[in-house]
Amino acid sequence: MARANAARERARLLEEVTLHHLWHFSDVFAADVGAVVIVAQRCPPQPMHHVSWIRGRWQSNFSFASQHQVQQSLFSRQPGAEFRYLLNQGRGAALEGLRTRLEETPANKHRLAPLSDFLTISRGEELGRESPYTQNISSPLDTDLSTNTICRGGACPRPDLCARPCACGRPCPRPDPCAYSRLDLCARPCPRPDALASLHNAGSPTNYPVLRGGIDVQPYSPPIASCQIAREAITKPLQRYLSPKLLVVKSTDRLQAALDLQGYIALQTLYLLYPRNEHVSPDQLYFFLALLNSRLLREYVYVLHTAYKWVQPQIEQRVLASLPVPIVKEEHQQQIIECAKSIEHACSRSGPVVEWNEHIMSMYEEQERAICALYDSVLPGCFTDKGVIKYG
């Protein structure tokens, strides 16, 4: 229904046949695949023709009574003739408006820009979770921070180490999470690029803490690794990992992002996002952290892209790169940046499994209103005072 390599076939269908029914099911076959049933008539569609669609898990007693409708012409207007049937639900029309505004507005009148204009996007190490180069961090180890190695196990065995400098010789930027039960943040690789010189002088560690997809990365929460990777398995530039970066989970149907200031290695199940302008303040990453965790952009990705592959969905790099970002001055971003910092700090106190309590949810809703106001400045009246839609 949405894959790029089927665009020609979809376009031909929409020109030559009238679609009457579109049924999207999961759990039809024992294999991990979804199923789509199309009922069509070989004749060109009328201009205002509507397609009935239904979406659900297949069961022997499945009811077809809850069918919805969408204009077939809406499919034809999609850039790859995608069958985006969810666009007639909730804020679908507003989300479609964002897409068309970004893609069809002349460059000299742009008020939106794709995310790739601000951030470069790459993937982590091309290794799977079961690679022999990765292993769980399980045995207690207490080492000198001057070698940039890690303190792991249960509660930090040497909390006094938190007062000692990172490999770069500067104070640890996050000494407070040492009471965590999974990993002592202060002993992770230094996030500053000048730490590389210290690594070479002191001798590189043989293993580095490594992050895996949705296991170690949750929205807003500072990531915490439970695995390590052998140095010889790291083929991409180490500098790429040591720099401050955003992490976005790839194999999921919903956007979720975290900010890594500790210099973790990452596997290919994560996208790594860096500012294109190296002189940009690290605070700027908090603005994009907020956008990538916003309910609005989650809906955007879900309704336009990931909802149409139920089994093993993933966010493609081109989708991430083309997300619409409002072009606003830095002073108009500041409220969102400060709120993102507060949410991240609140999440960092919640332990390895983050449960968003009432206080965090209140901050998140305030953040969502501010983000909606930014997008509403591009499409007036589309995102404010509309209520919040949750899918799934």
Protein backbone atom coordinates (compact mmCIF):
# COMPACT_ATOMS: atom_id res chain seq x y z
CA MET A 1 0.00 0.00 0.00
CA ALA A 2 2.90 2.40 0.53
CA ARG A 3 6.21 0.85 -0.61
CA ALA A 4 8.11 3.02 -3.09
CA ASN A 5 8.83 0.10 -5.44
CA ALA A 6 5.09 -0.45 -6.03
CA ALA A 7 4.25 3.17 -6.95
CA ARG A 8 3.74 2.44 -10.66
CA GLU A 9 1.35 -0.44 -10.00
CA ARG A 10 -0.72 1.61 -7.55
CA ALA A 11 -0.92 4.52 -9.99
CA ARG A 12 -2.14 2.20 -12.74
CA LEU A 13 -4.79 0.70 -10.45
CA LEU A 14 -6.08 4.13 -9.48
CA GLU A 15 -6.39 5.15 -13.14
CA GLU A 16 -7.99 1.97 -14.48
CA VAL A 17 -10.22 0.62 -11.70
CA THR A 18 -12.77 1.74 -9.18
CA LEU A 19 -11.76 0.59 -5.72
CA HIS A 20 -14.77 -0.47 -3.71
CA HIS A 21 -13.23 -2.11 -0.64
CA LEU A 22 -9.81 -2.15 0.99
CA TRP A 23 -9.40 -4.59 3.88
CA HIS A 24 -6.15 -4.50 5.89
CA PHE A 25 -5.67 -7.48 8.23
CA SER A 26 -3.05 -8.91 10.53
CA ASP A 27 -2.85 -12.49 11.83
CA VAL A 28 -4.31 -13.99 8.66
CA PHE A 29 -1.33 -16.28 8.04
CA ALA A 30 1.00 -18.08 10.41
CA ALA A 31 3.92 -16.22 8.82
CA ASP A 32 4.77 -12.76 10.14
CA VAL A 33 3.09 -10.88 7.31
CA GLY A 34 0.10 -8.63 6.93
CA ALA A 35 -2.64 -9.08 4.34
CA VAL A 36 -4.55 -6.66 2.12
CA VAL A 37 -7.72 -7.53 0.22
CA ILE A 38 -8.79 -5.16 -2.57
CA VAL A 39 -12.22 -5.43 -4.16
CA ALA A 40 -12.24 -3.40 -7.40
CA GLN A 41 -14.23 -2.94 -10.61
CA ARG A 42 -12.49 -2.57 -13.96
CA CYS A 43 -13.73 0.88 -14.88
CA PRO A 44 -12.33 4.40 -14.24
CA PRO A 45 -13.50 5.89 -10.92
CA GLN A 46 -15.94 8.77 -10.69
CA PRO A 47 -14.39 12.02 -9.33
CA MET A 48 -16.10 11.81 -5.93
CA HIS A 49 -15.98 8.04 -5.53
CA HIS A 50 -15.31 6.76 -1.99
CA VAL A 51 -13.48 3.57 -1.01
CA SER A 52 -14.69 1.61 2.02
CA TRP A 53 -11.82 0.45 4.21
CA ILE A 54 -11.43 -1.59 7.34
CA ARG A 55 -8.41 -2.37 9.49
CA GLY A 56 -8.09 -5.01 12.20
CA ARG A 57 -6.90 -8.40 13.36
CA TRP A 58 -8.42 -11.25 11.42
CA GLN A 59 -10.74 -13.51 13.38
CA SER A 60 -13.38 -16.02 12.38
CA ASN A 61 -16.04 -13.72 13.87
CA PHE A 62 -14.58 -10.50 12.43
CA SER A 63 -17.24 -7.86 11.82
CA PHE A 64 -17.31 -5.74 8.66
CA ALA A 65 -19.83 -3.37 10.19
CA SER A 66 -17.21 -0.78 11.24
CA GLN A 67 -16.03 0.20 7.76
CA HIS A 68 -14.81 3.75 7.05
CA GLN A 69 -14.63 5.67 3.80
CA VAL A 70 -11.98 7.69 2.01
CA GLN A 71 -12.02 9.36 -1.42
CA GLN A 72 -10.12 7.43 -4.06
CA SER A 73 -8.86 10.74 -5.46
CA LEU A 74 -6.94 11.26 -2.19
CA PHE A 75 -4.81 8.23 -3.06
CA SER A 76 -4.10 9.66 -6.51
CA ARG A 77 -2.81 12.90 -4.99
CA GLN A 78 -0.15 11.12 -2.94
CA PRO A 79 3.40 11.46 -4.36
CA GLY A 80 3.72 7.69 -4.91
CA ALA A 81 -0.01 6.96 -5.22
CA GLU A 82 0.08 5.51 -1.69
CA PHE A 83 -3.13 4.04 -0.30
CA ARG A 84 -3.01 6.20 2.85
CA TYR A 85 -6.50 5.45 4.06
CA LEU A 86 -5.88 6.91 7.57
CA LEU A 87 -5.67 10.43 6.14
CA ASN A 88 -9.45 10.78 6.50
CA GLN A 89 -9.23 10.22 10.28
CA GLY A 90 -8.46 12.66 13.13
CA ARG A 91 -5.90 15.26 12.10
CA GLY A 92 -5.18 13.46 8.81
CA ALA A 93 -6.13 16.46 6.66
CA ALA A 94 -3.83 18.75 8.65
CA LEU A 95 -0.96 16.26 8.45
CA GLU A 96 -1.46 15.96 4.70
CA GLY A 97 -1.41 19.76 4.56
CA LEU A 98 2.01 19.78 6.23
CA ARG A 99 3.35 17.31 3.67
CA THR A 100 2.06 19.23 0.67
CA ARG A 101 3.20 22.57 2.13
CA LEU A 102 6.74 21.21 2.58
CA GLU A 103 6.95 19.49 -0.82
CA GLU A 104 5.06 21.89 -3.07
CA THR A 105 5.77 25.40 -1.74
CA PRO A 106 8.29 27.43 -3.78
CA ALA A 107 11.68 27.68 -2.09
CA ASN A 108 11.47 31.45 -1.63
CA LYS A 109 8.25 31.06 0.37
CA HIS A 110 9.25 28.17 2.60
CA ARG A 111 8.19 28.27 6.23
CA LEU A 112 9.00 24.58 6.64
CA ALA A 113 12.21 22.72 5.92
CA PRO A 114 13.05 19.00 5.95
CA LEU A 115 14.88 17.70 9.00
CA SER A 116 17.88 16.86 6.81
CA ASP A 117 18.49 20.60 6.31
CA PHE A 118 19.41 20.83 9.99
CA LEU A 119 20.76 17.40 10.94
CA THR A 120 22.84 14.74 9.23
CA ILE A 121 21.52 11.20 9.65
CA SER A 122 23.50 7.97 9.75
CA ARG A 123 23.19 4.48 11.20
CA GLY A 124 25.23 2.74 13.86
CA GLU A 125 27.39 -0.35 13.45
CA GLU A 126 26.02 -2.84 10.93
CA LEU A 127 25.76 -5.66 13.45
CA GLY A 128 22.79 -7.56 14.84
CA ARG A 129 21.90 -7.97 18.50
CA GLU A 130 23.25 -11.53 18.47
CA SER A 131 26.65 -10.59 17.06
CA PRO A 132 29.57 -12.34 18.82
CA TYR A 133 31.19 -8.90 19.11
CA THR A 134 28.53 -7.78 21.61
CA GLN A 135 27.89 -9.16 25.08
CA ASN A 136 25.92 -8.28 28.18
CA ILE A 137 27.49 -6.15 30.87
CA SER A 138 27.12 -8.50 33.80
CA SER A 139 30.30 -8.99 35.80
CA PRO A 140 31.23 -6.29 38.32
CA LEU A 141 34.21 -4.22 37.28
CA ASP A 142 35.79 -1.22 38.95
CA THR A 143 38.39 0.61 36.90
CA ASP A 144 40.18 3.92 36.79
CA LEU A 145 38.32 6.57 34.82
CA SER A 146 41.56 7.85 33.36
CA THR A 147 41.50 4.90 30.94
CA ASN A 148 37.94 5.77 29.92
CA THR A 149 36.63 2.33 30.85
CA ILE A 150 33.35 1.62 32.55
CA CYS A 151 31.97 0.84 35.97
CA ARG A 152 29.29 -1.80 35.66
CA GLY A 153 27.24 -4.30 37.60
CA GLY A 154 24.65 -3.44 40.26
CA ALA A 155 24.79 -0.22 42.24
CA CYS A 156 27.98 1.68 41.51
CA PRO A 157 30.70 0.04 43.66
CA ARG A 158 32.76 3.21 43.80
CA PRO A 159 30.49 6.27 43.96
CA ASP A 160 33.51 8.34 44.95
CA LEU A 161 34.73 7.97 41.37
CA CYS A 162 32.03 10.37 40.30
CA ALA A 163 34.08 13.23 41.68
CA ARG A 164 36.99 12.28 39.43
CA PRO A 165 37.41 13.66 35.89
CA CYS A 166 36.42 12.03 32.63
CA ALA A 167 39.10 11.01 30.14
CA CYS A 168 39.27 14.58 28.85
CA GLY A 169 40.26 15.80 32.31
CA ARG A 170 37.03 17.69 32.92
CA PRO A 171 34.40 16.98 35.60
CA CYS A 172 31.81 14.37 34.75
CA PRO A 173 28.82 16.15 33.12
CA ARG A 174 26.29 13.81 34.73
CA PRO A 175 27.49 12.64 38.16
CA ASP A 176 24.02 12.30 39.68
CA PRO A 177 22.85 9.02 38.04
CA CYS A 178 25.57 6.99 39.78
CA ALA A 179 22.92 5.46 42.04
CA TYR A 180 21.34 3.74 39.04
CA SER A 181 21.38 -0.02 39.16
CA ARG A 182 22.50 -0.58 35.57
CA LEU A 183 25.46 1.59 34.63
CA ASP A 184 27.48 4.43 36.09
CA LEU A 185 27.07 7.30 33.63
CA CYS A 186 30.12 9.14 34.82
CA ALA A 187 32.36 6.37 33.56
CA ARG A 188 31.06 6.31 30.01
CA PRO A 189 33.19 7.61 27.13
CA CYS A 190 33.57 11.38 27.34
CA PRO A 191 31.14 13.16 24.97
CA ARG A 192 33.70 15.82 24.09
CA PRO A 193 35.77 15.36 20.93
CA ASP A 194 39.03 16.21 22.72
CA ALA A 195 38.63 12.99 24.69
CA LEU A 196 40.05 11.17 21.67
CA ALA A 197 43.53 12.43 22.44
CA SER A 198 43.25 11.14 25.98
CA LEU A 199 42.10 7.78 24.68
CA HIS A 200 45.20 7.42 22.54
CA ASN A 201 47.49 8.58 25.32
CA ALA A 202 45.98 6.33 27.97
CA GLY A 203 45.35 3.36 25.70
CA SER A 204 41.93 2.62 24.14
CA PRO A 205 39.63 0.26 26.02
CA THR A 206 38.98 -3.14 24.50
CA ASN A 207 35.20 -2.79 24.95
CA TYR A 208 32.74 0.09 24.72
CA PRO A 209 29.15 0.34 26.02
CA VAL A 210 26.74 -0.03 23.09
CA LEU A 211 23.06 0.84 22.60
CA ARG A 212 20.47 -1.32 20.84
CA GLY A 213 17.25 -0.09 19.20
CA GLY A 214 14.13 0.17 21.33
CA ILE A 215 15.67 -1.86 24.16
CA ASP A 216 18.02 0.87 25.40
CA VAL A 217 16.40 4.01 23.94
CA GLN A 218 13.12 5.41 25.24
CA PRO A 219 11.54 8.85 24.59
CA TYR A 220 13.43 11.63 26.39
CA SER A 221 15.13 9.24 28.86
CA PRO A 222 18.95 9.43 28.95
CA PRO A 223 20.00 6.13 27.37
CA ILE A 224 21.61 3.44 29.52
CA ALA A 225 23.54 0.56 27.96
CA SER A 226 23.36 -3.01 29.16
CA CYS A 227 25.71 -4.40 26.49
CA GLN A 228 29.25 -3.75 25.34
CA ILE A 229 30.95 -4.08 21.97
CA ALA A 230 34.50 -5.13 21.16
CA ARG A 231 36.74 -2.33 19.85
CA GLU A 232 37.69 -4.31 16.74
CA ALA A 233 34.01 -4.51 15.71
CA ILE A 234 33.66 -0.71 15.50
CA THR A 235 34.20 0.11 11.82
CA LYS A 236 32.72 3.59 11.68
CA PRO A 237 34.62 6.67 12.91
CA LEU A 238 34.83 6.76 16.70
CA GLN A 239 34.43 10.53 16.54
CA ARG A 240 30.89 9.98 15.25
CA TYR A 241 29.90 8.30 18.51
CA LEU A 242 31.77 10.55 20.92
CA SER A 243 30.02 13.68 19.65
CA PRO A 244 26.69 14.79 21.18
CA LYS A 245 23.92 13.23 19.11
CA LEU A 246 20.26 12.35 18.94
CA LEU A 247 19.25 8.70 18.73
CA VAL A 248 16.06 7.61 16.92
CA VAL A 249 14.75 4.04 17.00
CA LYS A 250 14.51 2.51 13.53
CA SER A 251 12.41 -0.66 13.92
CA THR A 252 9.15 0.79 15.22
CA ASP A 253 5.97 2.41 13.93
CA ARG A 254 6.22 5.42 16.29
CA LEU A 255 8.91 8.08 16.56
CA GLN A 256 10.97 7.94 19.75
CA ALA A 257 14.19 9.81 20.38
CA ALA A 258 16.77 10.31 23.12
CA LEU A 259 19.77 12.60 23.51
CA ASP A 260 23.18 11.00 24.03
CA LEU A 261 25.79 13.25 25.65
CA GLN A 262 27.87 10.33 26.91
CA GLY A 263 29.40 9.09 23.67
CA TYR A 264 27.79 5.68 23.29
CA ILE A 265 28.43 3.33 20.39
CA ALA A 266 25.16 2.36 18.63
CA LEU A 267 24.02 -0.55 16.49
CA GLN A 268 22.32 -0.15 13.09
CA THR A 269 18.89 -0.41 14.74
CA LEU A 270 19.38 3.25 15.71
CA TYR A 271 19.68 6.39 13.61
CA LEU A 272 22.31 8.89 14.75
CA LEU A 273 21.52 12.58 14.15
CA TYR A 274 24.10 15.38 14.36
CA PRO A 275 23.87 19.14 13.72
CA ARG A 276 25.02 20.05 10.20
CA ASN A 277 26.57 23.22 11.60
CA GLU A 278 29.30 22.19 14.04
CA HIS A 279 29.13 25.61 15.68
CA VAL A 280 25.50 25.17 16.74
CA SER A 281 24.95 25.16 20.50
CA PRO A 282 24.31 21.69 22.00
CA ASP A 283 21.09 23.21 23.37
CA GLN A 284 19.77 23.16 19.81
CA LEU A 285 19.59 19.37 19.98
CA TYR A 286 16.93 19.70 22.68
CA PHE A 287 14.68 21.50 20.20
CA PHE A 288 14.84 18.56 17.81
CA LEU A 289 14.54 16.11 20.71
CA ALA A 290 11.20 17.73 21.51
CA LEU A 291 9.98 17.64 17.89
CA LEU A 292 10.96 14.00 17.41
CA ASN A 293 9.11 12.99 20.58
CA SER A 294 6.07 15.16 19.88
CA ARG A 295 2.69 13.57 19.43
CA LEU A 296 2.21 15.65 16.30
CA LEU A 297 5.21 14.24 14.41
CA ARG A 298 4.47 10.77 15.76
CA GLU A 299 1.05 11.02 14.09
CA TYR A 300 2.68 12.39 10.95
CA VAL A 301 5.03 9.41 10.61
CA TYR A 302 2.35 6.89 11.57
CA VAL A 303 -0.46 8.17 9.33
CA LEU A 304 1.73 8.89 6.30
CA HIS A 305 4.19 6.02 6.49
CA THR A 306 4.41 3.29 9.11
CA ALA A 307 0.76 2.35 9.69
CA TYR A 308 0.62 0.47 6.40
CA LYS A 309 3.06 -2.22 7.43
CA TRP A 310 1.71 -3.82 10.58
CA VAL A 311 4.28 -6.60 10.88
CA GLN A 312 7.86 -5.54 11.60
CA PRO A 313 7.33 -1.85 10.75
CA GLN A 314 10.30 0.48 10.56
CA ILE A 315 11.01 4.15 9.98
CA GLU A 316 13.02 4.53 6.79
CA GLN A 317 15.90 6.98 6.72
CA ARG A 318 14.31 8.97 3.89
CA VAL A 319 11.15 9.38 5.99
CA LEU A 320 13.16 10.71 8.93
CA ALA A 321 15.12 13.06 6.66
CA SER A 322 11.93 14.54 5.17
CA LEU A 323 10.11 15.36 8.42
CA PRO A 324 8.76 18.94 8.33
CA VAL A 325 10.46 21.40 10.69
CA PRO A 326 9.08 24.94 11.18
CA ILE A 327 11.56 27.65 10.29
CA VAL A 328 11.58 29.89 13.37
CA LYS A 329 14.11 32.06 15.11
CA GLU A 330 16.13 30.65 18.00
CA GLU A 331 14.38 32.83 20.56
CA HIS A 332 11.06 31.21 19.55
CA GLN A 333 12.58 27.78 20.18
CA GLN A 334 13.76 28.58 23.70
CA GLN A 335 10.56 27.66 25.55
CA ILE A 336 10.56 24.25 23.85
CA ILE A 337 14.26 23.74 24.60
CA GLU A 338 13.86 24.51 28.31
CA CYS A 339 10.80 22.28 28.60
CA ALA A 340 12.66 19.43 26.85
CA LYS A 341 15.48 19.75 29.39
CA SER A 342 12.99 19.56 32.24
CA ILE A 343 11.30 16.46 30.81
CA GLU A 344 14.65 14.75 30.24
CA HIS A 345 15.74 15.55 33.78
CA ALA A 346 12.45 14.21 35.17
CA CYS A 347 12.82 11.02 33.12
CA SER A 348 16.42 10.54 34.30
CA ARG A 349 15.13 10.19 37.87
CA SER A 350 12.73 7.38 37.01
CA GLY A 351 15.17 4.49 36.72
CA PRO A 352 15.71 2.07 33.83
CA VAL A 353 11.98 1.64 33.14
CA VAL A 354 10.41 5.07 32.81
CA GLU A 355 6.79 5.46 33.85
CA TRP A 356 5.50 8.89 33.01
CA ASN A 357 3.80 10.17 36.13
CA GLU A 358 1.33 13.04 36.30
CA HIS A 359 4.10 15.63 36.64
CA ILE A 360 5.93 14.47 33.50
CA MET A 361 2.68 14.19 31.56
CA SER A 362 1.78 17.75 32.51
CA MET A 363 5.12 19.00 31.17
CA TYR A 364 4.69 16.91 28.02
CA GLU A 365 1.23 18.37 27.34
CA GLU A 366 2.61 21.88 27.82
CA GLN A 367 5.37 21.01 25.37
CA GLU A 368 2.86 19.61 22.88
CA ARG A 369 0.85 22.83 22.96
CA ALA A 370 3.99 24.88 22.25
CA ILE A 371 4.96 22.61 19.35
CA CYS A 372 1.45 22.68 17.90
CA ALA A 373 1.58 26.50 18.05
CA LEU A 374 4.76 26.44 15.92
CA TYR A 375 3.12 24.29 13.26
CA ASP A 376 -0.08 26.30 13.52
CA SER A 377 1.92 29.36 12.48
CA VAL A 378 2.53 27.53 9.19
CA LEU A 379 -1.01 26.15 8.76
CA PRO A 380 -3.23 28.49 10.84
CA GLY A 381 -6.04 26.85 12.75
CA CYS A 382 -5.01 23.26 11.98
CA PHE A 383 -3.25 22.16 15.15
CA THR A 384 -4.33 24.33 18.08
CA ASP A 385 -7.58 23.80 19.95
CA LYS A 386 -8.08 20.51 18.14
CA GLY A 387 -7.60 18.09 20.97
CA VAL A 388 -4.98 15.40 20.97
CA ILE A 389 -5.30 12.26 18.87
CA LYS A 390 -3.74 8.99 20.00
CA TYR A 391 -3.51 6.09 17.60
CA GLY A 392 -3.38 2.44 18.66
